[in-house]
Amino acid sequence: MTDALQQAQGKRLAMHLRRLRAQRGWSRAQLAERAGISPRTLERIEAETTSNPGLFTVAALADAFGVPVDDLVREARGVAGAGIVSAGYEGRSIEQFVEQLLARNVGTVADVRLTPLSRKPGFSKTKLTDALAEAGIGYRHLRALGNPKENRPPFWEGRAAEGRAVFRSLLEQDPAPQALDELFALAAKETVAVLCFEQDEDRCHRKVICDMARADHGLPVAALG
């Protein structure tokens, strides 16, 4: 196994462990005690400073969580979980939003708002990044995939098809193609939530991105719920 592959698997395992721990509301010390391993060992695994924690350690962690050890190994190998989740935070609190992301096993949130600011508590970039990090979820702001202000009225006024056509043309212009490549490459490895405001993706430019993921890259796409 190459060093790069080991590092990638270590990162996926660390992310999954942080997510499971957050779901159960356990501190790192509590998980270490339940698994019978040292807090320092767990800290190194979750911080991704060790890429090969050993089968006995992984088995102890699986036992602590009450899940089959094969599940942790499969997550580390990235066998399952690739795809896109279409996520609008309209009508959701930050707590509800994070809980739903965890339920979908989201590894990273890709923010496709042009400007990652919100009057809704918890959804501006800094606060959102912090809330996601606490749950073991990554964050990326892909500004190049944001919808410009002048193309927003069609989505509000029942002319969404017109707005989507304009947005598709914008995606052909630099630096959007590079941002799309980044998004789809990540979504081929883990579940990525494509984030904007509108809960109904038919009223949002992210539908174009999700449709491309499905049609052009064969990625599964699901709504957050």
Protein backbone atom coordinates (compact mmCIF):
# COMPACT_ATOMS: atom_id res chain seq x y z
CA MET A 1 0.00 0.00 0.00
CA THR A 2 1.42 3.43 -0.96
CA ASP A 3 1.95 6.15 1.63
CA ALA A 4 -0.62 8.33 -0.14
CA LEU A 5 -3.24 5.59 0.00
CA GLN A 6 -2.50 4.91 3.67
CA GLN A 7 -2.87 8.61 4.44
CA ALA A 8 -6.18 8.78 2.56
CA GLN A 9 -7.52 5.77 4.45
CA GLY A 10 -6.31 7.22 7.75
CA LYS A 11 -8.12 10.46 6.98
CA ARG A 12 -11.38 8.68 6.15
CA LEU A 13 -11.16 6.56 9.31
CA ALA A 14 -10.50 9.64 11.45
CA MET A 15 -13.45 11.45 9.91
CA HIS A 16 -15.75 8.50 10.51
CA LEU A 17 -14.62 8.11 14.13
CA ARG A 18 -15.21 11.80 14.82
CA ARG A 19 -18.64 11.54 13.24
CA LEU A 20 -19.63 8.46 15.28
CA ARG A 21 -18.36 10.08 18.47
CA ALA A 22 -20.32 13.27 17.76
CA GLN A 23 -23.49 11.27 17.09
CA ARG A 24 -23.20 9.68 20.52
CA GLY A 25 -22.22 12.87 22.31
CA TRP A 26 -19.01 11.33 23.67
CA SER A 27 -15.84 13.19 24.48
CA ARG A 28 -12.55 11.82 23.20
CA ALA A 29 -11.68 10.69 26.74
CA GLN A 30 -14.97 8.82 27.05
CA LEU A 31 -14.42 6.96 23.80
CA ALA A 32 -10.85 6.07 24.74
CA GLU A 33 -12.05 4.67 28.07
CA ARG A 34 -14.82 2.62 26.42
CA ALA A 35 -12.37 1.23 23.86
CA GLY A 36 -9.64 0.55 26.42
CA ILE A 37 -7.05 2.56 24.53
CA SER A 38 -5.02 5.56 25.61
CA PRO A 39 -6.45 9.06 24.98
CA ARG A 40 -3.16 9.92 23.28
CA THR A 41 -3.59 7.08 20.79
CA LEU A 42 -7.12 8.19 19.97
CA GLU A 43 -6.00 11.80 19.65
CA ARG A 44 -3.37 10.80 17.10
CA ILE A 45 -5.90 8.77 15.09
CA GLU A 46 -8.52 11.54 15.04
CA ALA A 47 -5.89 14.17 14.25
CA GLU A 48 -4.76 12.02 11.27
CA THR A 49 -1.16 11.91 12.53
CA THR A 50 -1.17 8.12 12.28
CA SER A 51 -2.35 6.40 9.10
CA ASN A 52 -2.11 2.81 10.35
CA PRO A 53 -3.57 2.43 13.86
CA GLY A 54 -3.52 -1.38 13.78
CA LEU A 55 -6.32 -3.91 13.58
CA PHE A 56 -6.61 -4.47 17.34
CA THR A 57 -7.09 -0.75 17.95
CA VAL A 58 -9.69 -0.50 15.18
CA ALA A 59 -11.46 -3.57 16.58
CA ALA A 60 -11.52 -2.00 20.06
CA LEU A 61 -13.05 1.19 18.65
CA ALA A 62 -15.65 -0.78 16.70
CA ASP A 63 -16.57 -2.67 19.87
CA ALA A 64 -16.91 0.60 21.79
CA PHE A 65 -19.30 1.96 19.17
CA GLY A 66 -21.16 -1.34 18.89
CA VAL A 67 -20.54 -1.65 15.15
CA PRO A 68 -18.87 -4.44 13.14
CA VAL A 69 -15.15 -3.90 12.66
CA ASP A 70 -15.73 -4.47 8.93
CA ASP A 71 -17.81 -1.27 8.89
CA LEU A 72 -14.86 0.80 10.09
CA VAL A 73 -12.50 -0.91 7.65
CA ARG A 74 -14.94 -0.34 4.78
CA GLU A 75 -15.27 3.34 5.67
CA ALA A 76 -11.49 3.72 5.81
CA ARG A 77 -11.16 2.15 2.38
CA GLY A 78 -13.81 4.46 0.98
CA VAL A 79 -15.83 1.57 -0.43
CA ALA A 80 -19.17 3.16 0.38
CA GLY A 81 -20.55 6.61 0.86
CA ALA A 82 -19.63 8.42 -2.36
CA GLY A 83 -22.14 10.83 -3.86
CA ILE A 84 -23.93 14.15 -3.54
CA VAL A 85 -26.52 15.37 -1.07
CA SER A 86 -28.49 18.43 -2.18
CA ALA A 87 -28.75 20.56 0.96
CA GLY A 88 -30.71 23.74 1.56
CA TYR A 89 -30.69 25.17 5.08
CA GLU A 90 -33.94 27.11 4.71
CA GLY A 91 -36.26 26.28 7.62
CA ARG A 92 -33.56 24.46 9.59
CA SER A 93 -31.61 25.39 12.69
CA ILE A 94 -27.88 24.76 12.63
CA GLU A 95 -28.41 21.89 15.09
CA GLN A 96 -31.04 20.26 12.87
CA PHE A 97 -28.89 20.78 9.80
CA VAL A 98 -25.80 19.13 11.30
CA GLU A 99 -27.90 16.25 12.64
CA GLN A 100 -29.31 15.60 9.16
CA LEU A 101 -25.84 15.74 7.62
CA LEU A 102 -24.63 13.15 10.10
CA ALA A 103 -27.61 10.93 9.30
CA ARG A 104 -26.56 11.06 5.64
CA ASN A 105 -22.91 10.29 6.49
CA VAL A 106 -21.77 13.54 4.88
CA GLY A 107 -18.01 13.96 4.99
CA THR A 108 -17.72 17.47 3.54
CA VAL A 109 -20.04 20.40 2.92
CA ALA A 110 -19.38 22.21 -0.36
CA ASP A 111 -20.81 25.71 0.02
CA VAL A 112 -21.93 27.03 -3.38
CA ARG A 113 -23.21 30.38 -2.14
CA LEU A 114 -21.46 33.28 -3.85
CA THR A 115 -21.04 34.95 -0.47
CA PRO A 116 -21.11 32.59 2.54
CA LEU A 117 -22.99 34.94 4.84
CA SER A 118 -26.43 34.47 6.36
CA ARG A 119 -28.78 36.28 8.70
CA LYS A 120 -29.77 32.84 9.97
CA PRO A 121 -27.72 32.04 13.09
CA GLY A 122 -24.96 29.52 12.52
CA PHE A 123 -24.87 29.59 8.72
CA SER A 124 -22.25 32.22 8.02
CA LYS A 125 -18.89 30.76 7.02
CA THR A 126 -16.99 30.93 10.32
CA LYS A 127 -19.81 29.70 12.58
CA LEU A 128 -20.80 27.04 10.06
CA THR A 129 -17.24 25.78 9.72
CA ASP A 130 -16.93 25.52 13.50
CA ALA A 131 -20.24 23.67 13.90
CA LEU A 132 -19.33 21.22 11.15
CA ALA A 133 -15.84 20.64 12.55
CA GLU A 134 -17.31 19.72 15.93
CA ALA A 135 -19.27 16.98 14.16
CA GLY A 136 -16.27 15.79 12.17
CA ILE A 137 -17.51 17.24 8.88
CA GLY A 138 -15.28 19.22 6.53
CA TYR A 139 -16.14 22.52 4.82
CA ARG A 140 -15.18 24.04 1.48
CA HIS A 141 -16.43 27.29 0.02
CA LEU A 142 -16.57 27.00 -3.77
CA ARG A 143 -17.19 30.62 -4.67
CA ALA A 144 -16.76 29.89 -8.38
CA LEU A 145 -19.98 27.84 -8.22
CA GLY A 146 -22.04 30.66 -6.73
CA ASN A 147 -24.95 32.23 -8.58
CA PRO A 148 -24.45 35.95 -9.33
CA LYS A 149 -27.02 38.41 -8.00
CA GLU A 150 -28.28 39.35 -11.46
CA ASN A 151 -29.28 35.73 -12.12
CA ARG A 152 -31.30 35.24 -8.94
CA PRO A 153 -34.65 36.85 -9.90
CA PRO A 154 -35.56 34.07 -12.38
CA PHE A 155 -35.46 31.53 -9.53
CA TRP A 156 -37.71 33.73 -7.39
CA GLU A 157 -40.16 34.66 -10.15
CA GLY A 158 -41.07 31.24 -11.54
CA ARG A 159 -38.54 31.38 -14.39
CA ALA A 160 -36.15 28.79 -12.98
CA ALA A 161 -35.49 27.18 -16.38
CA GLU A 162 -34.22 30.53 -17.64
CA GLY A 163 -32.01 30.97 -14.59
CA ARG A 164 -30.58 27.47 -14.93
CA ALA A 165 -29.73 28.08 -18.59
CA VAL A 166 -27.79 31.21 -17.68
CA PHE A 167 -26.01 29.43 -14.85
CA ARG A 168 -24.99 26.55 -17.12
CA SER A 169 -23.28 29.02 -19.43
CA LEU A 170 -21.46 30.55 -16.46
CA LEU A 171 -20.15 27.13 -15.46
CA GLU A 172 -18.26 26.98 -18.75
CA GLN A 173 -16.20 30.04 -17.80
CA ASP A 174 -13.07 29.96 -15.63
CA PRO A 175 -12.67 29.26 -12.76
CA ALA A 176 -15.95 27.31 -12.56
CA PRO A 177 -14.73 24.19 -14.44
CA GLN A 178 -11.86 23.78 -11.98
CA ALA A 179 -14.24 24.12 -9.04
CA LEU A 180 -16.56 21.53 -10.57
CA ASP A 181 -13.64 19.13 -11.02
CA GLU A 182 -12.72 19.62 -7.37
CA LEU A 183 -16.29 18.98 -6.24
CA PHE A 184 -16.87 15.88 -8.36
CA ALA A 185 -13.48 14.37 -7.49
CA LEU A 186 -14.29 14.73 -3.80
CA ALA A 187 -17.80 13.33 -4.26
CA ALA A 188 -16.31 10.25 -5.92
CA LYS A 189 -14.58 9.47 -2.61
CA GLU A 190 -17.08 10.51 0.04
CA THR A 191 -20.55 11.95 0.49
CA VAL A 192 -20.55 15.69 -0.18
CA ALA A 193 -23.41 18.03 0.66
CA VAL A 194 -23.85 20.82 -1.89
CA LEU A 195 -25.08 23.72 0.21
CA CYS A 196 -27.19 26.76 -0.58
CA PHE A 197 -30.17 28.46 1.09
CA GLU A 198 -33.31 27.23 -0.67
CA GLN A 199 -34.72 23.99 0.68
CA ASP A 200 -36.38 23.27 -2.68
CA GLU A 201 -33.56 22.74 -5.15
CA ASP A 202 -35.91 23.53 -8.06
CA ARG A 203 -35.69 27.14 -6.86
CA CYS A 204 -31.91 27.06 -6.55
CA HIS A 205 -28.96 27.10 -8.93
CA ARG A 206 -27.46 24.07 -7.16
CA LYS A 207 -29.89 21.87 -9.13
CA VAL A 208 -27.70 22.44 -12.19
CA ILE A 209 -24.66 21.18 -10.28
CA CYS A 210 -26.53 18.17 -8.91
CA ASP A 211 -27.88 17.30 -12.36
CA MET A 212 -24.35 17.42 -13.78
CA ALA A 213 -23.09 15.14 -11.00
CA ARG A 214 -25.74 12.59 -11.85
CA ALA A 215 -25.76 12.80 -15.65
CA ASP A 216 -22.11 13.49 -16.45
CA HIS A 217 -20.31 11.71 -13.61
CA GLY A 218 -22.66 8.93 -12.59
CA LEU A 219 -22.75 10.09 -8.98
CA PRO A 220 -25.77 9.28 -6.83
CA VAL A 221 -27.67 12.40 -5.75
CA ALA A 222 -30.12 12.59 -2.86
CA ALA A 223 -32.00 15.37 -1.10
CA LEU A 224 -31.05 16.13 2.49
CA GLY A 225 -34.66 15.58 3.49
